[in-house]
Amino acid sequence: VLVVRRVNYILMPSLLASGEISIGVSYTADL
């Protein structure tokens, strides 16, 4: 089962840190 969350480089760090996503594909800055 695949659950997709909308991310961008602003949202990506907090979603990864909280465990809400395990991988993200987007432009990234601070992680």
Full PDB file with SEQRES, HELIX, SHEET, SSBOND, CRYST1, ORIGX, SCALE, CONECT and MASTER records, all heavy atoms in Angstrom:
SEQRES   1 A   31  VAL LEU VAL VAL ARG ARG VAL ASN TYR ILE LEU MET PRO          
SEQRES   2 A   31  SER LEU LEU ALA SER GLY GLU ILE SER ILE GLY VAL SER          
SEQRES   3 A   31  TYR THR ALA ASP LEU                                          
HELIX    1 AA1 MET A   12  SER A   18  1                                   7    
CRYST1    1.000    1.000    1.000  90.00  90.00  90.00 P 1           1          
ORIGX1      1.000000  0.000000  0.000000        0.00000                         
ORIGX2      0.000000  1.000000  0.000000        0.00000                         
ORIGX3      0.000000  0.000000  1.000000        0.00000                         
SCALE1      1.000000  0.000000  0.000000        0.00000                         
SCALE2      0.000000  1.000000  0.000000        0.00000                         
SCALE3      0.000000  0.000000  1.000000        0.00000                         
ATOM      1  N   VAL A   1       0.858  -1.183   0.000  1.00  0.00           N  
ATOM      2  CA  VAL A   1       0.000   0.000   0.000  1.00  0.00           C  
ATOM      3  C   VAL A   1       0.898   1.238   0.000  1.00  0.00           C  
ATOM      4  O   VAL A   1       1.832   1.339   0.788  1.00  0.00           O  
ATOM      5  CB  VAL A   1      -0.922   0.030   1.234  1.00  0.00           C  
ATOM      6  CG1 VAL A   1      -1.743   1.321   1.261  1.00  0.00           C  
ATOM      7  CG2 VAL A   1      -1.833  -1.184   1.229  1.00  0.00           C  
ATOM      8  N   LEU A   2       0.610   2.164  -0.911  1.00  0.00           N  
ATOM      9  CA  LEU A   2       1.418   3.373  -1.042  1.00  0.00           C  
ATOM     10  C   LEU A   2       0.591   4.591  -0.637  1.00  0.00           C  
ATOM     11  O   LEU A   2      -0.504   4.817  -1.146  1.00  0.00           O  
ATOM     12  CB  LEU A   2       1.891   3.534  -2.487  1.00  0.00           C  
ATOM     13  CG  LEU A   2       2.944   4.611  -2.761  1.00  0.00           C  
ATOM     14  CD1 LEU A   2       4.241   4.274  -2.053  1.00  0.00           C  
ATOM     15  CD2 LEU A   2       3.178   4.737  -4.269  1.00  0.00           C  
ATOM     16  N   VAL A   3       1.104   5.365   0.315  1.00  0.00           N  
ATOM     17  CA  VAL A   3       0.458   6.613   0.737  1.00  0.00           C  
ATOM     18  C   VAL A   3       1.380   7.759   0.328  1.00  0.00           C  
ATOM     19  O   VAL A   3       2.541   7.813   0.740  1.00  0.00           O  
ATOM     20  CB  VAL A   3       0.225   6.646   2.257  1.00  0.00           C  
ATOM     21  CG1 VAL A   3      -0.397   7.990   2.668  1.00  0.00           C  
ATOM     22  CG2 VAL A   3      -0.668   5.497   2.686  1.00  0.00           C  
ATOM     23  N   VAL A   4       0.863   8.668  -0.498  1.00  0.00           N  
ATOM     24  CA  VAL A   4       1.662   9.776  -1.014  1.00  0.00           C  
ATOM     25  C   VAL A   4       1.279  11.065  -0.293  1.00  0.00           C  
ATOM     26  O   VAL A   4       0.098  11.412  -0.207  1.00  0.00           O  
ATOM     27  CB  VAL A   4       1.465   9.952  -2.534  1.00  0.00           C  
ATOM     28  CG1 VAL A   4       2.285  11.137  -3.043  1.00  0.00           C  
ATOM     29  CG2 VAL A   4       1.864   8.685  -3.271  1.00  0.00           C  
ATOM     30  N   ARG A   5       2.283  11.771   0.230  1.00  0.00           N  
ATOM     31  CA  ARG A   5       2.083  13.077   0.849  1.00  0.00           C  
ATOM     32  C   ARG A   5       2.706  14.147  -0.044  1.00  0.00           C  
ATOM     33  O   ARG A   5       3.760  13.933  -0.631  1.00  0.00           O  
ATOM     34  CB  ARG A   5       2.744  13.126   2.239  1.00  0.00           C  
ATOM     35  CG  ARG A   5       2.145  12.171   3.261  1.00  0.00           C  
ATOM     36  CD  ARG A   5       0.791  12.637   3.738  1.00  0.00           C  
ATOM     37  NE  ARG A   5       0.857  13.951   4.358  1.00  0.00           N  
ATOM     38  CZ  ARG A   5       1.140  14.145   5.657  1.00  0.00           C  
ATOM     39  NH1 ARG A   5       1.373  13.102   6.453  1.00  0.00           N  
ATOM     40  NH2 ARG A   5       1.183  15.365   6.152  1.00  0.00           N  
ATOM     41  N   ARG A   6       2.032  15.267  -0.154  1.00  0.00           N  
ATOM     42  CA  ARG A   6       2.588  16.381  -0.920  1.00  0.00           C  
ATOM     43  C   ARG A   6       3.712  17.026  -0.114  1.00  0.00           C  
ATOM     44  O   ARG A   6       3.539  17.368   1.052  1.00  0.00           O  
ATOM     45  CB  ARG A   6       1.488  17.394  -1.218  1.00  0.00           C  
ATOM     46  CG  ARG A   6       1.947  18.657  -1.951  1.00  0.00           C  
ATOM     47  CD  ARG A   6       2.574  18.352  -3.315  1.00  0.00           C  
ATOM     48  NE  ARG A   6       1.751  17.477  -4.116  1.00  0.00           N  
ATOM     49  CZ  ARG A   6       0.703  17.876  -4.856  1.00  0.00           C  
ATOM     50  NH1 ARG A   6       0.340  19.136  -4.851  1.00  0.00           N  
ATOM     51  NH2 ARG A   6       0.023  17.018  -5.586  1.00  0.00           N  
ATOM     52  N   VAL A   7       4.883  17.178  -0.738  1.00  0.00           N  
ATOM     53  CA  VAL A   7       6.019  17.790  -0.060  1.00  0.00           C  
ATOM     54  C   VAL A   7       6.630  18.867  -0.940  1.00  0.00           C  
ATOM     55  O   VAL A   7       6.390  18.942  -2.145  1.00  0.00           O  
ATOM     56  CB  VAL A   7       7.113  16.760   0.307  1.00  0.00           C  
ATOM     57  CG1 VAL A   7       6.580  15.689   1.221  1.00  0.00           C  
ATOM     58  CG2 VAL A   7       7.744  16.163  -0.947  1.00  0.00           C  
ATOM     59  N   ASN A   8       7.415  19.702  -0.330  1.00  0.00           N  
ATOM     60  CA  ASN A   8       8.341  20.596  -1.010  1.00  0.00           C  
ATOM     61  C   ASN A   8       9.528  20.756  -0.072  1.00  0.00           C  
ATOM     62  O   ASN A   8       9.584  20.104   0.975  1.00  0.00           O  
ATOM     63  CB  ASN A   8       7.679  21.939  -1.347  1.00  0.00           C  
ATOM     64  CG  ASN A   8       7.020  22.569  -0.130  1.00  0.00           C  
ATOM     65  OD1 ASN A   8       7.656  22.718   0.915  1.00  0.00           O  
ATOM     66  ND2 ASN A   8       5.755  22.930  -0.247  1.00  0.00           N  
ATOM     67  N   TYR A   9      10.472  21.596  -0.427  1.00  0.00           N  
ATOM     68  CA  TYR A   9      11.679  21.636   0.411  1.00  0.00           C  
ATOM     69  C   TYR A   9      11.422  22.257   1.780  1.00  0.00           C  
ATOM     70  O   TYR A   9      12.235  22.090   2.696  1.00  0.00           O  
ATOM     71  CB  TYR A   9      12.813  22.362  -0.311  1.00  0.00           C  
ATOM     72  CG  TYR A   9      12.740  23.875  -0.272  1.00  0.00           C  
ATOM     73  CD1 TYR A   9      13.538  24.596   0.595  1.00  0.00           C  
ATOM     74  CD2 TYR A   9      11.884  24.565  -1.115  1.00  0.00           C  
ATOM     75  CE1 TYR A   9      13.484  25.978   0.631  1.00  0.00           C  
ATOM     76  CE2 TYR A   9      11.831  25.939  -1.091  1.00  0.00           C  
ATOM     77  CZ  TYR A   9      12.631  26.642  -0.225  1.00  0.00           C  
ATOM     78  OH  TYR A   9      12.573  28.006  -0.203  1.00  0.00           O  
ATOM     79  N   ILE A  10      10.289  22.938   1.939  1.00  0.00           N  
ATOM     80  CA  ILE A  10       9.947  23.470   3.251  1.00  0.00           C  
ATOM     81  C   ILE A  10       9.341  22.383   4.126  1.00  0.00           C  
ATOM     82  O   ILE A  10       9.670  22.239   5.301  1.00  0.00           O  
ATOM     83  CB  ILE A  10       8.965  24.654   3.115  1.00  0.00           C  
ATOM     84  CG1 ILE A  10       9.583  25.754   2.255  1.00  0.00           C  
ATOM     85  CG2 ILE A  10       8.584  25.204   4.479  1.00  0.00           C  
ATOM     86  CD1 ILE A  10       8.626  26.875   1.906  1.00  0.00           C  
ATOM     87  N   LEU A  11       8.426  21.598   3.545  1.00  0.00           N  
ATOM     88  CA  LEU A  11       7.719  20.573   4.311  1.00  0.00           C  
ATOM     89  C   LEU A  11       8.550  19.322   4.548  1.00  0.00           C  
ATOM     90  O   LEU A  11       8.367  18.622   5.540  1.00  0.00           O  
ATOM     91  CB  LEU A  11       6.432  20.180   3.578  1.00  0.00           C  
ATOM     92  CG  LEU A  11       5.378  21.267   3.379  1.00  0.00           C  
ATOM     93  CD1 LEU A  11       4.241  20.738   2.499  1.00  0.00           C  
ATOM     94  CD2 LEU A  11       4.829  21.730   4.704  1.00  0.00           C  
ATOM     95  N   MET A  12       9.457  19.025   3.613  1.00  0.00           N  
ATOM     96  CA  MET A  12      10.181  17.755   3.654  1.00  0.00           C  
ATOM     97  C   MET A  12      10.889  17.482   4.982  1.00  0.00           C  
ATOM     98  O   MET A  12      10.747  16.397   5.565  1.00  0.00           O  
ATOM     99  CB  MET A  12      11.192  17.710   2.505  1.00  0.00           C  
ATOM    100  CG  MET A  12      12.007  16.430   2.456  1.00  0.00           C  
ATOM    101  SD  MET A  12      11.258  15.164   1.444  1.00  0.00           S  
ATOM    102  CE  MET A  12      11.729  15.747  -0.182  1.00  0.00           C  
ATOM    103  N   PRO A  13      11.670  18.430   5.535  1.00  0.00           N  
ATOM    104  CA  PRO A  13      12.418  18.112   6.757  1.00  0.00           C  
ATOM    105  C   PRO A  13      11.538  17.676   7.926  1.00  0.00           C  
ATOM    106  O   PRO A  13      11.848  16.697   8.615  1.00  0.00           O  
ATOM    107  CB  PRO A  13      13.154  19.420   7.070  1.00  0.00           C  
ATOM    108  CG  PRO A  13      13.261  20.114   5.760  1.00  0.00           C  
ATOM    109  CD  PRO A  13      12.008  19.782   5.029  1.00  0.00           C  
ATOM    110  N   SER A  14      10.429  18.393   8.156  1.00  0.00           N  
ATOM    111  CA  SER A  14       9.597  18.061   9.308  1.00  0.00           C  
ATOM    112  C   SER A  14       8.884  16.727   9.119  1.00  0.00           C  
ATOM    113  O   SER A  14       8.715  15.962  10.071  1.00  0.00           O  
ATOM    114  CB  SER A  14       8.574  19.171   9.572  1.00  0.00           C  
ATOM    115  OG  SER A  14       7.721  19.352   8.461  1.00  0.00           O  
ATOM    116  N   LEU A  15       8.464  16.423   7.892  1.00  0.00           N  
ATOM    117  CA  LEU A  15       7.788  15.145   7.634  1.00  0.00           C  
ATOM    118  C   LEU A  15       8.753  13.973   7.799  1.00  0.00           C  
ATOM    119  O   LEU A  15       8.371  12.910   8.305  1.00  0.00           O  
ATOM    120  CB  LEU A  15       7.174  15.142   6.231  1.00  0.00           C  
ATOM    121  CG  LEU A  15       5.984  16.084   6.017  1.00  0.00           C  
ATOM    122  CD1 LEU A  15       5.562  16.100   4.555  1.00  0.00           C  
ATOM    123  CD2 LEU A  15       4.801  15.664   6.885  1.00  0.00           C  
ATOM    124  N   LEU A  16       9.999  14.146   7.373  1.00  0.00           N  
ATOM    125  CA  LEU A  16      10.999  13.091   7.572  1.00  0.00           C  
ATOM    126  C   LEU A  16      11.336  12.939   9.054  1.00  0.00           C  
ATOM    127  O   LEU A  16      11.419  11.823   9.570  1.00  0.00           O  
ATOM    128  CB  LEU A  16      12.269  13.419   6.782  1.00  0.00           C  
ATOM    129  CG  LEU A  16      12.226  13.228   5.267  1.00  0.00           C  
ATOM    130  CD1 LEU A  16      13.465  13.822   4.618  1.00  0.00           C  
ATOM    131  CD2 LEU A  16      12.095  11.750   4.899  1.00  0.00           C  
ATOM    132  N   ALA A  17      11.517  14.072   9.730  1.00  0.00           N  
ATOM    133  CA  ALA A  17      11.910  14.016  11.142  1.00  0.00           C  
ATOM    134  C   ALA A  17      10.831  13.394  12.008  1.00  0.00           C  
ATOM    135  O   ALA A  17      11.121  12.680  12.974  1.00  0.00           O  
ATOM    136  CB  ALA A  17      12.243  15.420  11.645  1.00  0.00           C  
ATOM    137  N   SER A  18       9.564  13.636  11.666  1.00  0.00           N  
ATOM    138  CA  SER A  18       8.459  13.106  12.464  1.00  0.00           C  
ATOM    139  C   SER A  18       8.119  11.662  12.107  1.00  0.00           C  
ATOM    140  O   SER A  18       7.331  11.018  12.800  1.00  0.00           O  
ATOM    141  CB  SER A  18       7.212  13.976  12.280  1.00  0.00           C  
ATOM    142  OG  SER A  18       6.733  13.887  10.944  1.00  0.00           O  
ATOM    143  N   GLY A  19       8.698  11.151  11.008  1.00  0.00           N  
ATOM    144  CA  GLY A  19       8.393   9.794  10.582  1.00  0.00           C  
ATOM    145  C   GLY A  19       7.111   9.682   9.769  1.00  0.00           C  
ATOM    146  O   GLY A  19       6.683   8.571   9.446  1.00  0.00           O  
ATOM    147  N   GLU A  20       6.497  10.821   9.413  1.00  0.00           N  
ATOM    148  CA  GLU A  20       5.270  10.770   8.621  1.00  0.00           C  
ATOM    149  C   GLU A  20       5.536  10.283   7.204  1.00  0.00           C  
ATOM    150  O   GLU A  20       4.637   9.794   6.532  1.00  0.00           O  
ATOM    151  CB  GLU A  20       4.602  12.141   8.604  1.00  0.00           C  
ATOM    152  CG  GLU A  20       4.093  12.593   9.964  1.00  0.00           C  
ATOM    153  CD  GLU A  20       3.489  13.979   9.915  1.00  0.00           C  
ATOM    154  OE1 GLU A  20       2.438  14.142   9.271  1.00  0.00           O  
ATOM    155  OE2 GLU A  20       4.070  14.898  10.522  1.00  0.00           O  
ATOM    156  N   ILE A  21       6.752  10.459   6.716  1.00  0.00           N  
ATOM    157  CA  ILE A  21       7.192   9.844   5.467  1.00  0.00           C  
ATOM    158  C   ILE A  21       8.556   9.216   5.712  1.00  0.00           C  
ATOM    159  O   ILE A  21       9.307   9.661   6.585  1.00  0.00           O  
ATOM    160  CB  ILE A  21       7.273  10.847   4.298  1.00  0.00           C  
ATOM    161  CG1 ILE A  21       8.283  11.963   4.597  1.00  0.00           C  
ATOM    162  CG2 ILE A  21       5.894  11.430   3.976  1.00  0.00           C  
ATOM    163  CD1 ILE A  21       8.535  12.897   3.420  1.00  0.00           C  
ATOM    164  N   SER A  22       8.872   8.175   4.962  1.00  0.00           N  
ATOM    165  CA  SER A  22      10.177   7.537   5.111  1.00  0.00           C  
ATOM    166  C   SER A  22      11.118   7.914   3.981  1.00  0.00           C  
ATOM    167  O   SER A  22      12.337   7.713   4.095  1.00  0.00           O  
ATOM    168  CB  SER A  22      10.018   6.010   5.164  1.00  0.00           C  
ATOM    169  OG  SER A  22       9.318   5.538   4.032  1.00  0.00           O  
ATOM    170  N   ILE A  23      10.572   8.444   2.890  1.00  0.00           N  
ATOM    171  CA  ILE A  23      11.394   8.885   1.767  1.00  0.00           C  
ATOM    172  C   ILE A  23      10.653  10.012   1.063  1.00  0.00           C  
ATOM    173  O   ILE A  23       9.423  10.059   1.055  1.00  0.00           O  
ATOM    174  CB  ILE A  23      11.681   7.714   0.791  1.00  0.00           C  
ATOM    175  CG1 ILE A  23      12.733   8.121  -0.242  1.00  0.00           C  
ATOM    176  CG2 ILE A  23      10.406   7.227   0.119  1.00  0.00           C  
ATOM    177  CD1 ILE A  23      13.220   6.965  -1.094  1.00  0.00           C  
ATOM    178  N   GLY A  24      11.384  10.941   0.496  1.00  0.00           N  
ATOM    179  CA  GLY A  24      10.775  12.036  -0.237  1.00  0.00           C  
ATOM    180  C   GLY A  24      11.551  12.300  -1.510  1.00  0.00           C  
ATOM    181  O   GLY A  24      12.773  12.119  -1.565  1.00  0.00           O  
ATOM    182  N   VAL A  25      10.839  12.710  -2.546  1.00  0.00           N  
ATOM    183  CA  VAL A  25      11.470  13.075  -3.814  1.00  0.00           C  
ATOM    184  C   VAL A  25      11.028  14.492  -4.144  1.00  0.00           C  
ATOM    185  O   VAL A  25       9.856  14.748  -4.423  1.00  0.00           O  
ATOM    186  CB  VAL A  25      11.089  12.118  -4.954  1.00  0.00           C  
ATOM    187  CG1 VAL A  25      11.864  12.479  -6.220  1.00  0.00           C  
ATOM    188  CG2 VAL A  25      11.340  10.667  -4.562  1.00  0.00           C  
ATOM    189  N   SER A  26      11.968  15.415  -4.087  1.00  0.00           N  
ATOM    190  CA  SER A  26      11.686  16.820  -4.330  1.00  0.00           C  
ATOM    191  C   SER A  26      13.006  17.549  -4.292  1.00  0.00           C  
ATOM    192  O   SER A  26      14.032  16.987  -3.901  1.00  0.00           O  
ATOM    193  CB  SER A  26      10.739  17.375  -3.251  1.00  0.00           C  
ATOM    194  OG  SER A  26      10.570  18.770  -3.369  1.00  0.00           O  
ATOM    195  N   TYR A  27      12.977  18.811  -4.707  1.00  0.00           N  
ATOM    196  CA  TYR A  27      14.119  19.665  -4.406  1.00  0.00           C  
ATOM    197  C   TYR A  27      14.241  19.746  -2.882  1.00  0.00           C  
ATOM    198  O   TYR A  27      13.238  19.858  -2.175  1.00  0.00           O  
ATOM    199  CB  TYR A  27      13.898  21.058  -4.988  1.00  0.00           C  
ATOM    200  CG  TYR A  27      14.949  22.058  -4.571  1.00  0.00           C  
ATOM    201  CD1 TYR A  27      16.124  22.205  -5.292  1.00  0.00           C  
ATOM    202  CD2 TYR A  27      14.766  22.847  -3.441  1.00  0.00           C  
ATOM    203  CE1 TYR A  27      17.091  23.108  -4.904  1.00  0.00           C  
ATOM    204  CE2 TYR A  27      15.734  23.756  -3.037  1.00  0.00           C  
ATOM    205  CZ  TYR A  27      16.893  23.884  -3.775  1.00  0.00           C  
ATOM    206  OH  TYR A  27      17.842  24.777  -3.375  1.00  0.00           O  
ATOM    207  N   THR A  28      15.455  19.693  -2.365  1.00  0.00           N  
ATOM    208  CA  THR A  28      15.646  19.726  -0.913  1.00  0.00           C  
ATOM    209  C   THR A  28      16.691  20.761  -0.543  1.00  0.00           C  
ATOM    210  O   THR A  28      17.597  21.062  -1.321  1.00  0.00           O  
ATOM    211  CB  THR A  28      16.092  18.354  -0.365  1.00  0.00           C  
ATOM    212  OG1 THR A  28      17.307  17.949  -1.018  1.00  0.00           O  
ATOM    213  CG2 THR A  28      15.018  17.305  -0.602  1.00  0.00           C  
ATOM    214  N   ALA A  29      16.547  21.279   0.665  1.00  0.00           N  
ATOM    215  CA  ALA A  29      17.546  22.194   1.228  1.00  0.00           C  
ATOM    216  C   ALA A  29      18.050  21.569   2.518  1.00  0.00           C  
ATOM    217  O   ALA A  29      18.714  20.541   2.505  1.00  0.00           O  
ATOM    218  CB  ALA A  29      16.941  23.578   1.442  1.00  0.00           C  
ATOM    219  N   ASP A  30      17.712  22.143   3.657  1.00  0.00           N  
ATOM    220  CA  ASP A  30      18.115  21.563   4.935  1.00  0.00           C  
ATOM    221  C   ASP A  30      17.294  20.319   5.225  1.00  0.00           C  
ATOM    222  O   ASP A  30      16.085  20.287   4.992  1.00  0.00           O  
ATOM    223  CB  ASP A  30      17.909  22.571   6.064  1.00  0.00           C  
ATOM    224  CG  ASP A  30      18.885  23.730   5.963  1.00  0.00           C  
ATOM    225  OD1 ASP A  30      19.982  23.516   5.426  1.00  0.00           O  
ATOM    226  OD2 ASP A  30      18.539  24.835   6.418  1.00  0.00           O  
ATOM    227  N   LEU A  31      17.955  19.294   5.736  1.00  0.00           N  
ATOM    228  CA  LEU A  31      17.294  18.049   6.099  1.00  0.00           C  
ATOM    229  C   LEU A  31      17.665  17.681   7.531  1.00  0.00           C  
ATOM    230  O   LEU A  31      18.650  18.189   8.078  1.00  0.00           O  
ATOM    231  CB  LEU A  31      17.717  16.918   5.145  1.00  0.00           C  
ATOM    232  CG  LEU A  31      17.221  17.017   3.697  1.00  0.00           C  
ATOM    233  CD1 LEU A  31      17.793  15.873   2.869  1.00  0.00           C  
ATOM    234  CD2 LEU A  31      15.702  16.999   3.631  1.00  0.00           C  
TER     235      LEU A  31                                                      
MASTER        0    0    0    1    0    0    0    6  234    1    0    3          
END                                                                             
